[in-house]
Amino acid sequence: YVQGLPKIDDVLLKWLAEYTKHHPWRFVFLENVDMSWNFSENRDRCNFTFALPNPAHMIDSTADLQTPHIAEVRPSHVCDYDETLIPSLERCRRPTELRPHF
């Protein structure tokens, strides 16, 4: 029984699927875990009888991607960077000064 995990990695979900395949008398219950963005081949072994509606099924247009409910769970490649780690524009113009960043 797993609680407090907002999302599950595909590797862990695949491992759980393989584990329960080899031990069919055992099961893993994931409470409130969003698996809508996991690979379908990992989700096909899951039973969603008691699950909340899949957010991916609520998307009809690109505008729906910006709704708070979808944007909150949608994978994103946007992340915050420490400003001290980003070289200045002037330093970028002089490639020899970029060596300390690598």
PDB file of N, CA and C in Angstrom:
ATOM      1  N   TYR A   1       0.850  -1.157   0.000  1.00  0.00           N
ATOM      2  CA  TYR A   1       0.000   0.000   0.000  1.00  0.00           C
ATOM      3  C   TYR A   1       0.903   1.230   0.000  1.00  0.00           C
ATOM      4  N   VAL A   2       0.792   2.076  -1.035  1.00  0.00           N
ATOM      5  CA  VAL A   2       1.672   3.237  -1.195  1.00  0.00           C
ATOM      6  C   VAL A   2       0.835   4.504  -1.135  1.00  0.00           C
ATOM      7  N   GLN A   3       1.233   5.422  -0.245  1.00  0.00           N
ATOM      8  CA  GLN A   3       0.571   6.719  -0.116  1.00  0.00           C
ATOM      9  C   GLN A   3       1.618   7.822  -0.235  1.00  0.00           C
ATOM     10  N   GLY A   4       1.170   9.017  -0.619  1.00  0.00           N
ATOM     11  CA  GLY A   4       2.046  10.177  -0.630  1.00  0.00           C
ATOM     12  C   GLY A   4       2.978  10.273  -1.808  1.00  0.00           C
ATOM     13  N   LEU A   5       2.748   9.495  -2.837  1.00  0.00           N
ATOM     14  CA  LEU A   5       3.586   9.540  -4.032  1.00  0.00           C
ATOM     15  C   LEU A   5       2.762  10.193  -5.137  1.00  0.00           C
ATOM     16  N   PRO A   6       3.035  11.470  -5.477  1.00  0.00           N
ATOM     17  CA  PRO A   6       2.185  12.155  -6.462  1.00  0.00           C
ATOM     18  C   PRO A   6       2.306  11.574  -7.873  1.00  0.00           C
ATOM     19  N   LYS A   7       3.496  11.149  -8.250  1.00  0.00           N
ATOM     20  CA  LYS A   7       3.739  10.542  -9.567  1.00  0.00           C
ATOM     21  C   LYS A   7       4.615   9.322  -9.357  1.00  0.00           C
ATOM     22  N   ILE A   8       4.634   8.461 -10.360  1.00  0.00           N
ATOM     23  CA  ILE A   8       5.474   7.266 -10.274  1.00  0.00           C
ATOM     24  C   ILE A   8       6.342   7.183 -11.523  1.00  0.00           C
ATOM     25  N   ASP A   9       7.579   6.866 -11.327  1.00  0.00           N
ATOM     26  CA  ASP A   9       8.514   6.737 -12.434  1.00  0.00           C
ATOM     27  C   ASP A   9       8.175   5.490 -13.247  1.00  0.00           C
ATOM     28  N   ASP A  10       8.410   5.550 -14.549  1.00  0.00           N
ATOM     29  CA  ASP A  10       8.100   4.411 -15.419  1.00  0.00           C
ATOM     30  C   ASP A  10       8.900   3.169 -15.046  1.00  0.00           C
ATOM     31  N   VAL A  11      10.115   3.351 -14.590  1.00  0.00           N
ATOM     32  CA  VAL A  11      10.947   2.201 -14.217  1.00  0.00           C
ATOM     33  C   VAL A  11      10.342   1.480 -13.018  1.00  0.00           C
ATOM     34  N   LEU A  12       9.904   2.237 -12.023  1.00  0.00           N
ATOM     35  CA  LEU A  12       9.280   1.627 -10.848  1.00  0.00           C
ATOM     36  C   LEU A  12       7.951   0.964 -11.209  1.00  0.00           C
ATOM     37  N   LEU A  13       7.153   1.622 -12.044  1.00  0.00           N
ATOM     38  CA  LEU A  13       5.880   1.040 -12.453  1.00  0.00           C
ATOM     39  C   LEU A  13       6.094  -0.260 -13.230  1.00  0.00           C
ATOM     40  N   LYS A  14       7.097  -0.291 -14.087  1.00  0.00           N
ATOM     41  CA  LYS A  14       7.427  -1.505 -14.845  1.00  0.00           C
ATOM     42  C   LYS A  14       7.874  -2.618 -13.891  1.00  0.00           C
ATOM     43  N   TRP A  15       8.692  -2.245 -12.900  1.00  0.00           N
ATOM     44  CA  TRP A  15       9.153  -3.232 -11.930  1.00  0.00           C
ATOM     45  C   TRP A  15       7.985  -3.817 -11.149  1.00  0.00           C
ATOM     46  N   LEU A  16       7.053  -2.951 -10.730  1.00  0.00           N
ATOM     47  CA  LEU A  16       5.878  -3.431 -10.002  1.00  0.00           C
ATOM     48  C   LEU A  16       5.024  -4.349 -10.870  1.00  0.00           C
ATOM     49  N   ALA A  17       4.896  -4.002 -12.154  1.00  0.00           N
ATOM     50  CA  ALA A  17       4.113  -4.837 -13.066  1.00  0.00           C
ATOM     51  C   ALA A  17       4.761  -6.213 -13.232  1.00  0.00           C
ATOM     52  N   GLU A  18       6.076  -6.235 -13.381  1.00  0.00           N
ATOM     53  CA  GLU A  18       6.784  -7.515 -13.512  1.00  0.00           C
ATOM     54  C   GLU A  18       6.699  -8.320 -12.213  1.00  0.00           C
ATOM     55  N   TYR A  19       6.814  -7.639 -11.097  1.00  0.00           N
ATOM     56  CA  TYR A  19       6.743  -8.317  -9.796  1.00  0.00           C
ATOM     57  C   TYR A  19       5.386  -8.992  -9.607  1.00  0.00           C
ATOM     58  N   THR A  20       4.311  -8.254  -9.888  1.00  0.00           N
ATOM     59  CA  THR A  20       2.980  -8.833  -9.709  1.00  0.00           C
ATOM     60  C   THR A  20       2.649  -9.861 -10.781  1.00  0.00           C
ATOM     61  N   LYS A  21       3.312  -9.775 -11.924  1.00  0.00           N
ATOM     62  CA  LYS A  21       3.113 -10.804 -12.963  1.00  0.00           C
ATOM     63  C   LYS A  21       3.669 -12.145 -12.480  1.00  0.00           C
ATOM     64  N   HIS A  22       4.833 -12.098 -11.823  1.00  0.00           N
ATOM     65  CA  HIS A  22       5.456 -13.332 -11.344  1.00  0.00           C
ATOM     66  C   HIS A  22       4.863 -13.812 -10.018  1.00  0.00           C
ATOM     67  N   HIS A  23       4.161 -12.915  -9.313  1.00  0.00           N
ATOM     68  CA  HIS A  23       3.519 -13.256  -8.042  1.00  0.00           C
ATOM     69  C   HIS A  23       2.068 -12.769  -8.101  1.00  0.00           C
ATOM     70  N   PRO A  24       1.198 -13.456  -8.852  1.00  0.00           N
ATOM     71  CA  PRO A  24      -0.168 -12.959  -9.071  1.00  0.00           C
ATOM     72  C   PRO A  24      -1.037 -12.907  -7.812  1.00  0.00           C
ATOM     73  N   TRP A  25      -0.637 -13.547  -6.747  1.00  0.00           N
ATOM     74  CA  TRP A  25      -1.409 -13.501  -5.507  1.00  0.00           C
ATOM     75  C   TRP A  25      -1.076 -12.252  -4.684  1.00  0.00           C
ATOM     76  N   ARG A  26      -0.108 -11.467  -5.143  1.00  0.00           N
ATOM     77  CA  ARG A  26       0.258 -10.224  -4.462  1.00  0.00           C
ATOM     78  C   ARG A  26      -0.210  -9.042  -5.302  1.00  0.00           C
ATOM     79  N   PHE A  27      -0.425  -7.918  -4.648  1.00  0.00           N
ATOM     80  CA  PHE A  27      -0.819  -6.718  -5.378  1.00  0.00           C
ATOM     81  C   PHE A  27      -0.237  -5.497  -4.678  1.00  0.00           C
ATOM     82  N   VAL A  28      -0.164  -4.404  -5.417  1.00  0.00           N
ATOM     83  CA  VAL A  28       0.321  -3.133  -4.888  1.00  0.00           C
ATOM     84  C   VAL A  28      -0.775  -2.111  -5.130  1.00  0.00           C
ATOM     85  N   PHE A  29      -1.202  -1.442  -4.070  1.00  0.00           N
ATOM     86  CA  PHE A  29      -2.241  -0.424  -4.164  1.00  0.00           C
ATOM     87  C   PHE A  29      -1.566   0.942  -4.089  1.00  0.00           C
ATOM     88  N   LEU A  30      -1.703   1.739  -5.153  1.00  0.00           N
ATOM     89  CA  LEU A  30      -1.127   3.079  -5.212  1.00  0.00           C
ATOM     90  C   LEU A  30      -2.255   4.081  -5.014  1.00  0.00           C
ATOM     91  N   GLU A  31      -2.231   4.802  -3.902  1.00  0.00           N
ATOM     92  CA  GLU A  31      -3.295   5.755  -3.592  1.00  0.00           C
ATOM     93  C   GLU A  31      -2.910   7.157  -4.067  1.00  0.00           C
ATOM     94  N   ASN A  32      -3.803   7.762  -4.864  1.00  0.00           N
ATOM     95  CA  ASN A  32      -3.639   9.131  -5.371  1.00  0.00           C
ATOM     96  C   ASN A  32      -2.340   9.340  -6.150  1.00  0.00           C
ATOM     97  N   VAL A  33      -1.955   8.359  -6.928  1.00  0.00           N
ATOM     98  CA  VAL A  33      -0.769   8.475  -7.777  1.00  0.00           C
ATOM     99  C   VAL A  33      -1.234   8.763  -9.198  1.00  0.00           C
ATOM    100  N   ASP A  34      -0.696   9.818  -9.783  1.00  0.00           N
ATOM    101  CA  ASP A  34      -1.059  10.176 -11.154  1.00  0.00           C
ATOM    102  C   ASP A  34      -0.194   9.381 -12.125  1.00  0.00           C
ATOM    103  N   MET A  35      -0.817   8.491 -12.879  1.00  0.00           N
ATOM    104  CA  MET A  35      -0.096   7.694 -13.864  1.00  0.00           C
ATOM    105  C   MET A  35      -0.520   8.053 -15.284  1.00  0.00           C
ATOM    106  N   SER A  36      -1.158   9.205 -15.435  1.00  0.00           N
ATOM    107  CA  SER A  36      -1.682   9.581 -16.747  1.00  0.00           C
ATOM    108  C   SER A  36      -0.590   9.852 -17.771  1.00  0.00           C
ATOM    109  N   TRP A  37       0.639  10.147 -17.333  1.00  0.00           N
ATOM    110  CA  TRP A  37       1.709  10.465 -18.281  1.00  0.00           C
ATOM    111  C   TRP A  37       2.719   9.330 -18.391  1.00  0.00           C
ATOM    112  N   ASN A  38       2.472   8.207 -17.720  1.00  0.00           N
ATOM    113  CA  ASN A  38       3.369   7.063 -17.844  1.00  0.00           C
ATOM    114  C   ASN A  38       3.131   6.337 -19.162  1.00  0.00           C
ATOM    115  N   PHE A  39       4.095   5.515 -19.535  1.00  0.00           N
ATOM    116  CA  PHE A  39       3.977   4.753 -20.775  1.00  0.00           C
ATOM    117  C   PHE A  39       2.762   3.825 -20.718  1.00  0.00           C
ATOM    118  N   SER A  40       2.055   3.736 -21.827  1.00  0.00           N
ATOM    119  CA  SER A  40       0.837   2.916 -21.858  1.00  0.00           C
ATOM    120  C   SER A  40       1.141   1.442 -21.635  1.00  0.00           C
ATOM    121  N   GLU A  41       2.303   0.968 -22.087  1.00  0.00           N
ATOM    122  CA  GLU A  41       2.620  -0.449 -21.892  1.00  0.00           C
ATOM    123  C   GLU A  41       2.824  -0.785 -20.410  1.00  0.00           C
ATOM    124  N   ASN A  42       3.093   0.222 -19.588  1.00  0.00           N
ATOM    125  CA  ASN A  42       3.176  -0.009 -18.144  1.00  0.00           C
ATOM    126  C   ASN A  42       1.809   0.117 -17.483  1.00  0.00           C
ATOM    127  N   ARG A  43       0.964   0.982 -18.027  1.00  0.00           N
ATOM    128  CA  ARG A  43      -0.367   1.185 -17.453  1.00  0.00           C
ATOM    129  C   ARG A  43      -1.335   0.065 -17.798  1.00  0.00           C
ATOM    130  N   ASP A  44      -1.071  -0.697 -18.872  1.00  0.00           N
ATOM    131  CA  ASP A  44      -2.047  -1.691 -19.313  1.00  0.00           C
ATOM    132  C   ASP A  44      -2.231  -2.835 -18.321  1.00  0.00           C
ATOM    133  N   ARG A  45      -1.328  -2.992 -17.382  1.00  0.00           N
ATOM    134  CA  ARG A  45      -1.469  -4.039 -16.363  1.00  0.00           C
ATOM    135  C   ARG A  45      -2.107  -3.524 -15.085  1.00  0.00           C
ATOM    136  N   CYS A  46      -2.478  -2.245 -15.078  1.00  0.00           N
ATOM    137  CA  CYS A  46      -3.048  -1.632 -13.873  1.00  0.00           C
ATOM    138  C   CYS A  46      -4.575  -1.674 -13.909  1.00  0.00           C
ATOM    139  N   ASN A  47      -5.152  -1.760 -12.759  1.00  0.00           N
ATOM    140  CA  ASN A  47      -6.601  -1.738 -12.615  1.00  0.00           C
ATOM    141  C   ASN A  47      -6.984  -0.361 -12.068  1.00  0.00           C
ATOM    142  N   PHE A  48      -7.732   0.406 -12.844  1.00  0.00           N
ATOM    143  CA  PHE A  48      -8.088   1.770 -12.474  1.00  0.00           C
ATOM    144  C   PHE A  48      -9.533   1.888 -11.988  1.00  0.00           C
ATOM    145  N   THR A  49     -10.077   0.830 -11.420  1.00  0.00           N
ATOM    146  CA  THR A  49     -11.465   0.822 -10.981  1.00  0.00           C
ATOM    147  C   THR A  49     -11.771   1.954 -10.003  1.00  0.00           C
ATOM    148  N   PHE A  50     -10.890   2.189  -9.055  1.00  0.00           N
ATOM    149  CA  PHE A  50     -11.132   3.197  -8.025  1.00  0.00           C
ATOM    150  C   PHE A  50     -10.360   4.493  -8.277  1.00  0.00           C
ATOM    151  N   ALA A  51      -9.765   4.625  -9.447  1.00  0.00           N
ATOM    152  CA  ALA A  51      -8.923   5.793  -9.747  1.00  0.00           C
ATOM    153  C   ALA A  51      -9.757   7.017 -10.117  1.00  0.00           C
ATOM    154  N   LEU A  52      -9.167   8.181  -9.898  1.00  0.00           N
ATOM    155  CA  LEU A  52      -9.772   9.435 -10.334  1.00  0.00           C
ATOM    156  C   LEU A  52      -9.720   9.513 -11.855  1.00  0.00           C
ATOM    157  N   PRO A  53     -10.513  10.378 -12.478  1.00  0.00           N
ATOM    158  CA  PRO A  53     -10.475  10.494 -13.938  1.00  0.00           C
ATOM    159  C   PRO A  53      -9.070  10.873 -14.431  1.00  0.00           C
ATOM    160  N   ASN A  54      -8.706  10.323 -15.549  1.00  0.00           N
ATOM    161  CA  ASN A  54      -7.394  10.567 -16.139  1.00  0.00           C
ATOM    162  C   ASN A  54      -7.356  11.973 -16.738  1.00  0.00           C
ATOM    163  N   PRO A  55      -6.433  12.852 -16.281  1.00  0.00           N
ATOM    164  CA  PRO A  55      -6.364  14.209 -16.830  1.00  0.00           C
ATOM    165  C   PRO A  55      -6.084  14.239 -18.335  1.00  0.00           C
ATOM    166  N   ALA A  56      -5.370  13.248 -18.834  1.00  0.00           N
ATOM    167  CA  ALA A  56      -5.060  13.219 -20.266  1.00  0.00           C
ATOM    168  C   ALA A  56      -6.326  13.067 -21.110  1.00  0.00           C
ATOM    169  N   HIS A  57      -7.382  12.475 -20.541  1.00  0.00           N
ATOM    170  CA  HIS A  57      -8.634  12.304 -21.272  1.00  0.00           C
ATOM    171  C   HIS A  57      -9.476  13.575 -21.293  1.00  0.00           C
ATOM    172  N   MET A  58      -9.062  14.589 -20.506  1.00  0.00           N
ATOM    173  CA  MET A  58      -9.787  15.858 -20.452  1.00  0.00           C
ATOM    174  C   MET A  58      -9.233  16.888 -21.438  1.00  0.00           C
ATOM    175  N   ILE A  59      -8.193  16.528 -22.181  1.00  0.00           N
ATOM    176  CA  ILE A  59      -7.554  17.466 -23.101  1.00  0.00           C
ATOM    177  C   ILE A  59      -8.185  17.337 -24.482  1.00  0.00           C
ATOM    178  N   ASP A  60      -8.818  18.432 -24.929  1.00  0.00           N
ATOM    179  CA  ASP A  60      -9.417  18.465 -26.258  1.00  0.00           C
ATOM    180  C   ASP A  60      -8.694  19.434 -27.190  1.00  0.00           C
ATOM    181  N   SER A  61      -7.983  20.399 -26.635  1.00  0.00           N
ATOM    182  CA  SER A  61      -7.267  21.382 -27.454  1.00  0.00           C
ATOM    183  C   SER A  61      -6.007  21.824 -26.715  1.00  0.00           C
ATOM    184  N   THR A  62      -5.166  22.582 -27.398  1.00  0.00           N
ATOM    185  CA  THR A  62      -3.942  23.066 -26.758  1.00  0.00           C
ATOM    186  C   THR A  62      -4.252  24.038 -25.633  1.00  0.00           C
ATOM    187  N   ALA A  63      -5.387  24.711 -25.699  1.00  0.00           N
ATOM    188  CA  ALA A  63      -5.779  25.623 -24.618  1.00  0.00           C
ATOM    189  C   ALA A  63      -6.015  24.851 -23.318  1.00  0.00           C
ATOM    190  N   ASP A  64      -6.468  23.609 -23.430  1.00  0.00           N
ATOM    191  CA  ASP A  64      -6.703  22.794 -22.234  1.00  0.00           C
ATOM    192  C   ASP A  64      -5.407  22.486 -21.490  1.00  0.00           C
ATOM    193  N   LEU A  65      -4.272  22.521 -22.195  1.00  0.00           N
ATOM    194  CA  LEU A  65      -2.993  22.239 -21.550  1.00  0.00           C
ATOM    195  C   LEU A  65      -2.620  23.294 -20.526  1.00  0.00           C
ATOM    196  N   GLN A  66      -3.183  24.499 -20.662  1.00  0.00           N
ATOM    197  CA  GLN A  66      -2.862  25.592 -19.750  1.00  0.00           C
ATOM    198  C   GLN A  66      -3.808  25.675 -18.558  1.00  0.00           C
ATOM    199  N   THR A  67      -4.840  24.865 -18.516  1.00  0.00           N
ATOM    200  CA  THR A  67      -5.750  24.904 -17.377  1.00  0.00           C
ATOM    201  C   THR A  67      -4.986  24.465 -16.121  1.00  0.00           C
ATOM    202  N   PRO A  68      -5.294  25.040 -14.982  1.00  0.00           N
ATOM    203  CA  PRO A  68      -4.532  24.727 -13.767  1.00  0.00           C
ATOM    204  C   PRO A  68      -4.506  23.235 -13.422  1.00  0.00           C
ATOM    205  N   HIS A  69      -5.614  22.547 -13.639  1.00  0.00           N
ATOM    206  CA  HIS A  69      -5.668  21.124 -13.286  1.00  0.00           C
ATOM    207  C   HIS A  69      -4.700  20.299 -14.137  1.00  0.00           C
ATOM    208  N   ILE A  70      -4.596  20.624 -15.418  1.00  0.00           N
ATOM    209  CA  ILE A  70      -3.711  19.878 -16.316  1.00  0.00           C
ATOM    210  C   ILE A  70      -2.273  20.355 -16.166  1.00  0.00           C
ATOM    211  N   ALA A  71      -2.049  21.661 -16.118  1.00  0.00           N
ATOM    212  CA  ALA A  71      -0.689  22.205 -16.027  1.00  0.00           C
ATOM    213  C   ALA A  71       0.018  21.737 -14.758  1.00  0.00           C
ATOM    214  N   GLU A  72      -0.740  21.480 -13.711  1.00  0.00           N
ATOM    215  CA  GLU A  72      -0.175  21.041 -12.436  1.00  0.00           C
ATOM    216  C   GLU A  72       0.459  19.657 -12.538  1.00  0.00           C
ATOM    217  N   VAL A  73      -0.094  18.785 -13.359  1.00  0.00           N
ATOM    218  CA  VAL A  73       0.400  17.408 -13.436  1.00  0.00           C
ATOM    219  C   VAL A  73       1.154  17.101 -14.722  1.00  0.00           C
ATOM    220  N   ARG A  74       1.103  18.016 -15.685  1.00  0.00           N
ATOM    221  CA  ARG A  74       1.738  17.776 -16.980  1.00  0.00           C
ATOM    222  C   ARG A  74       3.257  17.836 -16.859  1.00  0.00           C
ATOM    223  N   PRO A  75       3.984  16.907 -17.465  1.00  0.00           N
ATOM    224  CA  PRO A  75       5.442  16.964 -17.432  1.00  0.00           C
ATOM    225  C   PRO A  75       5.939  18.243 -18.094  1.00  0.00           C
ATOM    226  N   SER A  76       6.982  18.784 -17.537  1.00  0.00           N
ATOM    227  CA  SER A  76       7.531  20.028 -18.063  1.00  0.00           C
ATOM    228  C   SER A  76       9.046  19.960 -18.041  1.00  0.00           C
ATOM    229  N   HIS A  77       9.653  20.598 -19.020  1.00  0.00           N
ATOM    230  CA  HIS A  77      11.112  20.675 -19.067  1.00  0.00           C
ATOM    231  C   HIS A  77      11.592  22.008 -18.523  1.00  0.00           C
ATOM    232  N   VAL A  78      10.699  22.762 -17.930  1.00  0.00           N
ATOM    233  CA  VAL A  78      11.052  24.056 -17.361  1.00  0.00           C
ATOM    234  C   VAL A  78      11.485  23.845 -15.915  1.00  0.00           C
ATOM    235  N   CYS A  79      12.625  24.398 -15.571  1.00  0.00           N
ATOM    236  CA  CYS A  79      13.088  24.307 -14.197  1.00  0.00           C
ATOM    237  C   CYS A  79      13.840  25.586 -13.833  1.00  0.00           C
ATOM    238  N   ASP A  80      13.915  25.846 -12.555  1.00  0.00           N
ATOM    239  CA  ASP A  80      14.624  27.026 -12.063  1.00  0.00           C
ATOM    240  C   ASP A  80      16.105  26.711 -11.933  1.00  0.00           C
ATOM    241  N   TYR A  81      16.931  27.666 -12.312  1.00  0.00           N
ATOM    242  CA  TYR A  81      18.377  27.524 -12.199  1.00  0.00           C
ATOM    243  C   TYR A  81      18.911  28.538 -11.210  1.00  0.00           C
ATOM    244  N   ASP A  82      19.946  28.159 -10.540  1.00  0.00           N
ATOM    245  CA  ASP A  82      20.635  29.072  -9.636  1.00  0.00           C
ATOM    246  C   ASP A  82      21.309  30.139 -10.492  1.00  0.00           C
ATOM    247  N   GLU A  83      20.955  31.385 -10.260  1.00  0.00           N
ATOM    248  CA  GLU A  83      21.475  32.495 -11.071  1.00  0.00           C
ATOM    249  C   GLU A  83      22.994  32.593 -11.014  1.00  0.00           C
ATOM    250  N   THR A  84      23.594  32.159  -9.917  1.00  0.00           N
ATOM    251  CA  THR A  84      25.053  32.252  -9.804  1.00  0.00           C
ATOM    252  C   THR A  84      25.760  31.260 -10.720  1.00  0.00           C
ATOM    253  N   LEU A  85      25.055  30.249 -11.184  1.00  0.00           N
ATOM    254  CA  LEU A  85      25.661  29.253 -12.063  1.00  0.00           C
ATOM    255  C   LEU A  85      25.581  29.627 -13.537  1.00  0.00           C
ATOM    256  N   ILE A  86      24.776  30.624 -13.857  1.00  0.00           N
ATOM    257  CA  ILE A  86      24.604  31.023 -15.248  1.00  0.00           C
ATOM    258  C   ILE A  86      25.625  32.102 -15.582  1.00  0.00           C
ATOM    259  N   PRO A  87      26.469  31.873 -16.574  1.00  0.00           N
ATOM    260  CA  PRO A  87      27.461  32.899 -16.927  1.00  0.00           C
ATOM    261  C   PRO A  87      26.785  34.131 -17.525  1.00  0.00           C
ATOM    262  N   SER A  88      27.401  35.267 -17.307  1.00  0.00           N
ATOM    263  CA  SER A  88      26.851  36.515 -17.843  1.00  0.00           C
ATOM    264  C   SER A  88      26.987  36.536 -19.363  1.00  0.00           C
ATOM    265  N   LEU A  89      26.216  37.416 -19.984  1.00  0.00           N
ATOM    266  CA  LEU A  89      26.268  37.556 -21.439  1.00  0.00           C
ATOM    267  C   LEU A  89      27.656  37.990 -21.893  1.00  0.00           C
ATOM    268  N   GLU A  90      28.277  38.889 -21.136  1.00  0.00           N
ATOM    269  CA  GLU A  90      29.633  39.346 -21.480  1.00  0.00           C
ATOM    270  C   GLU A  90      30.632  38.197 -21.419  1.00  0.00           C
ATOM    271  N   ARG A  91      30.494  37.361 -20.414  1.00  0.00           N
ATOM    272  CA  ARG A  91      31.407  36.219 -20.287  1.00  0.00           C
ATOM    273  C   ARG A  91      31.183  35.224 -21.425  1.00  0.00           C
ATOM    274  N   CYS A  92      29.951  35.076 -21.878  1.00  0.00           N
ATOM    275  CA  CYS A  92      29.648  34.160 -22.982  1.00  0.00           C
ATOM    276  C   CYS A  92      30.269  34.634 -24.293  1.00  0.00           C
ATOM    277  N   ARG A  93      30.470  35.909 -24.405  1.00  0.00           N
ATOM    278  CA  ARG A  93      31.096  36.441 -25.622  1.00  0.00           C
ATOM    279  C   ARG A  93      32.590  36.157 -25.667  1.00  0.00           C
ATOM    280  N   ARG A  94      33.160  35.780 -24.527  1.00  0.00           N
ATOM    281  CA  ARG A  94      34.585  35.426 -24.473  1.00  0.00           C
ATOM    282  C   ARG A  94      34.687  33.950 -24.071  1.00  0.00           C
ATOM    283  N   PRO A  95      34.723  33.057 -25.041  1.00  0.00           N
ATOM    284  CA  PRO A  95      34.670  31.616 -24.757  1.00  0.00           C
ATOM    285  C   PRO A  95      35.759  31.114 -23.809  1.00  0.00           C
ATOM    286  N   THR A  96      36.900  31.754 -23.810  1.00  0.00           N
ATOM    287  CA  THR A  96      37.969  31.274 -22.920  1.00  0.00           C
ATOM    288  C   THR A  96      37.603  31.445 -21.451  1.00  0.00           C
ATOM    289  N   GLU A  97      36.711  32.376 -21.145  1.00  0.00           N
ATOM    290  CA  GLU A  97      36.290  32.588 -19.754  1.00  0.00           C
ATOM    291  C   GLU A  97      35.198  31.610 -19.321  1.00  0.00           C
ATOM    292  N   LEU A  98      34.694  30.826 -20.241  1.00  0.00           N
ATOM    293  CA  LEU A  98      33.633  29.871 -19.904  1.00  0.00           C
ATOM    294  C   LEU A  98      34.178  28.570 -19.319  1.00  0.00           C
ATOM    295  N   ARG A  99      35.462  28.349 -19.421  1.00  0.00           N
ATOM    296  CA  ARG A  99      36.037  27.081 -18.931  1.00  0.00           C
ATOM    297  C   ARG A  99      35.697  26.778 -17.476  1.00  0.00           C
ATOM    298  N   PRO A 100      35.678  27.762 -16.574  1.00  0.00           N
ATOM    299  CA  PRO A 100      35.344  27.422 -15.170  1.00  0.00           C
ATOM    300  C   PRO A 100      33.930  26.855 -15.002  1.00  0.00           C
ATOM    301  N   HIS A 101      33.048  27.073 -15.964  1.00  0.00           N
ATOM    302  CA  HIS A 101      31.675  26.563 -15.846  1.00  0.00           C
ATOM    303  C   HIS A 101      31.546  25.103 -16.230  1.00  0.00           C
ATOM    304  N   PHE A 102      32.618  24.519 -16.759  1.00  0.00           N
ATOM    305  CA  PHE A 102      32.521  23.131 -17.219  1.00  0.00           C
ATOM    306  C   PHE A 102      33.340  22.200 -16.422  1.00  0.00           C
TER     307      PHE A 102
END
